[in-house]
């Protein structure tokens, strides 16, 4: 029972935080990738140490990792387990694709492909 002097608890929108975190993670990753691309396109400098692009890469990667941690923190246990299962299945699929490529290369050497 809520009295007239008390205010009811505020309801949170569950999906909004996850979408904001995803946008922050993608922007941080894009900034880090752009800084890396810019760094690789510059001519090499002999006595140069780490500069601004390197700092941008580090900050962007740090923001990306922080956004991923927040995304995982907002997930339920079922979502975490489902994501872990998807990662495991994806890892096995990647290993299978690598082994299939190696096997096809071996068969190609013998002319059995």
C-alpha atoms as a PDB file:
ATOM      1  CA  UNK A   1       0.000   0.000   0.000  1.00  0.00           C
ATOM      2  CA  UNK A   2       1.427   3.355  -1.025  1.00  0.00           C
ATOM      3  CA  UNK A   3       0.573   6.366   1.036  1.00  0.00           C
ATOM      4  CA  UNK A   4      -0.016   9.691  -0.621  1.00  0.00           C
ATOM      5  CA  UNK A   5       3.155  11.134   0.903  1.00  0.00           C
ATOM      6  CA  UNK A   6       5.357   8.318  -0.445  1.00  0.00           C
ATOM      7  CA  UNK A   7       6.468   8.158  -4.034  1.00  0.00           C
ATOM      8  CA  UNK A   8       6.469   4.823  -5.860  1.00  0.00           C
ATOM      9  CA  UNK A   9       9.791   3.354  -6.987  1.00  0.00           C
ATOM     10  CA  UNK A  10      10.886   4.405 -10.413  1.00  0.00           C
ATOM     11  CA  UNK A  11      10.775   1.681 -13.064  1.00  0.00           C
ATOM     12  CA  UNK A  12      13.852   1.303 -15.253  1.00  0.00           C
ATOM     13  CA  UNK A  13      13.747   0.583 -18.941  1.00  0.00           C
ATOM     14  CA  UNK A  14      15.815  -2.616 -19.291  1.00  0.00           C
ATOM     15  CA  UNK A  15      16.770  -2.311 -22.956  1.00  0.00           C
ATOM     16  CA  UNK A  16      17.954   1.292 -23.089  1.00  0.00           C
ATOM     17  CA  UNK A  17      21.178   0.792 -21.137  1.00  0.00           C
ATOM     18  CA  UNK A  18      22.268  -2.086 -23.360  1.00  0.00           C
ATOM     19  CA  UNK A  19      21.709  -0.055 -26.510  1.00  0.00           C
ATOM     20  CA  UNK A  20      23.684   2.916 -25.189  1.00  0.00           C
ATOM     21  CA  UNK A  21      26.552   0.651 -24.142  1.00  0.00           C
ATOM     22  CA  UNK A  22      26.599  -0.953 -27.581  1.00  0.00           C
ATOM     23  CA  UNK A  23      26.756   2.440 -29.280  1.00  0.00           C
ATOM     24  CA  UNK A  24      29.598   3.555 -26.992  1.00  0.00           C
ATOM     25  CA  UNK A  25      31.500   0.322 -27.682  1.00  0.00           C
ATOM     26  CA  UNK A  26      31.123   0.675 -31.451  1.00  0.00           C
ATOM     27  CA  UNK A  27      32.173   4.335 -31.434  1.00  0.00           C
ATOM     28  CA  UNK A  28      35.223   3.549 -29.263  1.00  0.00           C
ATOM     29  CA  UNK A  29      36.208   0.693 -31.568  1.00  0.00           C
ATOM     30  CA  UNK A  30      35.762   2.893 -34.659  1.00  0.00           C
ATOM     31  CA  UNK A  31      37.914   5.670 -33.151  1.00  0.00           C
ATOM     32  CA  UNK A  32      40.651   3.202 -32.212  1.00  0.00           C
ATOM     33  CA  UNK A  33      40.561   1.646 -35.700  1.00  0.00           C
ATOM     34  CA  UNK A  34      40.715   5.069 -37.368  1.00  0.00           C
ATOM     35  CA  UNK A  35      43.692   6.090 -35.212  1.00  0.00           C
ATOM     36  CA  UNK A  36      45.459   2.821 -36.011  1.00  0.00           C
ATOM     37  CA  UNK A  37      44.769   3.300 -39.736  1.00  0.00           C
ATOM     38  CA  UNK A  38      46.110   6.855 -39.562  1.00  0.00           C
ATOM     39  CA  UNK A  39      49.243   5.677 -37.729  1.00  0.00           C
ATOM     40  CA  UNK A  40      49.995   2.966 -40.281  1.00  0.00           C
ATOM     41  CA  UNK A  41      49.677   5.436 -43.189  1.00  0.00           C
ATOM     42  CA  UNK A  42      52.209   7.926 -41.791  1.00  0.00           C
ATOM     43  CA  UNK A  43      55.849   7.704 -42.892  1.00  0.00           C
ATOM     44  CA  UNK A  44      58.115   6.162 -40.253  1.00  0.00           C
ATOM     45  CA  UNK A  45      59.882   8.631 -37.991  1.00  0.00           C
ATOM     46  CA  UNK A  46      63.233   7.595 -36.580  1.00  0.00           C
ATOM     47  CA  UNK A  47      63.292   9.229 -33.153  1.00  0.00           C
ATOM     48  CA  UNK A  48      59.550   9.425 -32.559  1.00  0.00           C
ATOM     49  CA  UNK A  49      58.079   7.849 -29.490  1.00  0.00           C
ATOM     50  CA  UNK A  50      54.447   7.189 -28.716  1.00  0.00           C
ATOM     51  CA  UNK A  51      52.350  10.136 -29.814  1.00  0.00           C
ATOM     52  CA  UNK A  52      48.753  11.265 -29.859  1.00  0.00           C
ATOM     53  CA  UNK A  53      47.472   8.508 -32.203  1.00  0.00           C
ATOM     54  CA  UNK A  54      48.879   5.872 -29.863  1.00  0.00           C
ATOM     55  CA  UNK A  55      47.098   7.498 -26.938  1.00  0.00           C
ATOM     56  CA  UNK A  56      43.860   7.574 -28.902  1.00  0.00           C
ATOM     57  CA  UNK A  57      44.229   3.873 -29.674  1.00  0.00           C
ATOM     58  CA  UNK A  58      44.801   3.052 -26.005  1.00  0.00           C
ATOM     59  CA  UNK A  59      41.880   5.194 -24.803  1.00  0.00           C
ATOM     60  CA  UNK A  60      39.580   3.816 -27.516  1.00  0.00           C
ATOM     61  CA  UNK A  61      40.457   0.212 -26.689  1.00  0.00           C
ATOM     62  CA  UNK A  62      40.014   0.929 -22.986  1.00  0.00           C
ATOM     63  CA  UNK A  63      36.581   2.442 -23.597  1.00  0.00           C
ATOM     64  CA  UNK A  64      35.662  -0.550 -25.756  1.00  0.00           C
ATOM     65  CA  UNK A  65      36.670  -3.005 -23.015  1.00  0.00           C
ATOM     66  CA  UNK A  66      34.805  -0.952 -20.380  1.00  0.00           C
ATOM     67  CA  UNK A  67      31.677  -0.909 -22.555  1.00  0.00           C
ATOM     68  CA  UNK A  68      31.889  -4.687 -23.010  1.00  0.00           C
ATOM     69  CA  UNK A  69      32.189  -5.157 -19.254  1.00  0.00           C
ATOM     70  CA  UNK A  70      29.126  -2.975 -18.682  1.00  0.00           C
ATOM     71  CA  UNK A  71      27.230  -4.891 -21.379  1.00  0.00           C
ATOM     72  CA  UNK A  72      28.029  -8.208 -19.693  1.00  0.00           C
ATOM     73  CA  UNK A  73      27.145  -6.706 -16.292  1.00  0.00           C
ATOM     74  CA  UNK A  74      23.646  -5.792 -17.500  1.00  0.00           C
ATOM     75  CA  UNK A  75      22.984  -9.279 -18.881  1.00  0.00           C
ATOM     76  CA  UNK A  76      21.039 -11.932 -17.024  1.00  0.00           C
ATOM     77  CA  UNK A  77      22.569 -15.304 -16.211  1.00  0.00           C
ATOM     78  CA  UNK A  78      20.676 -16.958 -19.067  1.00  0.00           C
ATOM     79  CA  UNK A  79      21.998 -14.371 -21.542  1.00  0.00           C
ATOM     80  CA  UNK A  80      25.564 -14.841 -20.265  1.00  0.00           C
ATOM     81  CA  UNK A  81      25.302 -18.623 -20.623  1.00  0.00           C
ATOM     82  CA  UNK A  82      23.798 -18.272 -24.100  1.00  0.00           C
ATOM     83  CA  UNK A  83      26.612 -15.942 -25.154  1.00  0.00           C
ATOM     84  CA  UNK A  84      29.228 -18.299 -23.718  1.00  0.00           C
ATOM     85  CA  UNK A  85      27.648 -21.205 -25.631  1.00  0.00           C
ATOM     86  CA  UNK A  86      27.615 -19.172 -28.865  1.00  0.00           C
ATOM     87  CA  UNK A  87      31.298 -18.291 -28.374  1.00  0.00           C
ATOM     88  CA  UNK A  88      32.185 -21.949 -27.757  1.00  0.00           C
ATOM     89  CA  UNK A  89      30.275 -23.132 -30.843  1.00  0.00           C
ATOM     90  CA  UNK A  90      31.879 -20.345 -32.894  1.00  0.00           C
ATOM     91  CA  UNK A  91      35.332 -21.395 -31.688  1.00  0.00           C
ATOM     92  CA  UNK A  92      34.692 -24.996 -32.719  1.00  0.00           C
ATOM     93  CA  UNK A  93      33.354 -23.822 -36.095  1.00  0.00           C
ATOM     94  CA  UNK A  94      36.511 -21.749 -36.608  1.00  0.00           C
ATOM     95  CA  UNK A  95      38.747 -24.688 -35.695  1.00  0.00           C
ATOM     96  CA  UNK A  96      36.722 -26.915 -38.033  1.00  0.00           C
ATOM     97  CA  UNK A  97      37.095 -24.444 -40.900  1.00  0.00           C
ATOM     98  CA  UNK A  98      40.863 -24.271 -40.355  1.00  0.00           C
ATOM     99  CA  UNK A  99      41.166 -28.055 -40.272  1.00  0.00           C
ATOM    100  CA  UNK A 100      39.005 -28.367 -43.384  1.00  0.00           C
ATOM    101  CA  UNK A 101      41.258 -25.896 -45.201  1.00  0.00           C
ATOM    102  CA  UNK A 102      44.368 -27.825 -44.165  1.00  0.00           C
ATOM    103  CA  UNK A 103      42.760 -31.117 -45.225  1.00  0.00           C
ATOM    104  CA  UNK A 104      41.765 -29.668 -48.604  1.00  0.00           C
ATOM    105  CA  UNK A 105      45.324 -28.374 -49.102  1.00  0.00           C
ATOM    106  CA  UNK A 106      46.727 -31.850 -48.361  1.00  0.00           C
ATOM    107  CA  UNK A 107      44.253 -33.465 -50.750  1.00  0.00           C
ATOM    108  CA  UNK A 108      45.140 -30.847 -53.357  1.00  0.00           C
ATOM    109  CA  UNK A 109      48.814 -31.818 -53.127  1.00  0.00           C
ATOM    110  CA  UNK A 110      47.926 -35.394 -54.055  1.00  0.00           C
ATOM    111  CA  UNK A 111      45.390 -34.324 -56.682  1.00  0.00           C
ATOM    112  CA  UNK A 112      42.470 -35.909 -54.841  1.00  0.00           C
ATOM    113  CA  UNK A 113      40.341 -32.800 -54.576  1.00  0.00           C
END
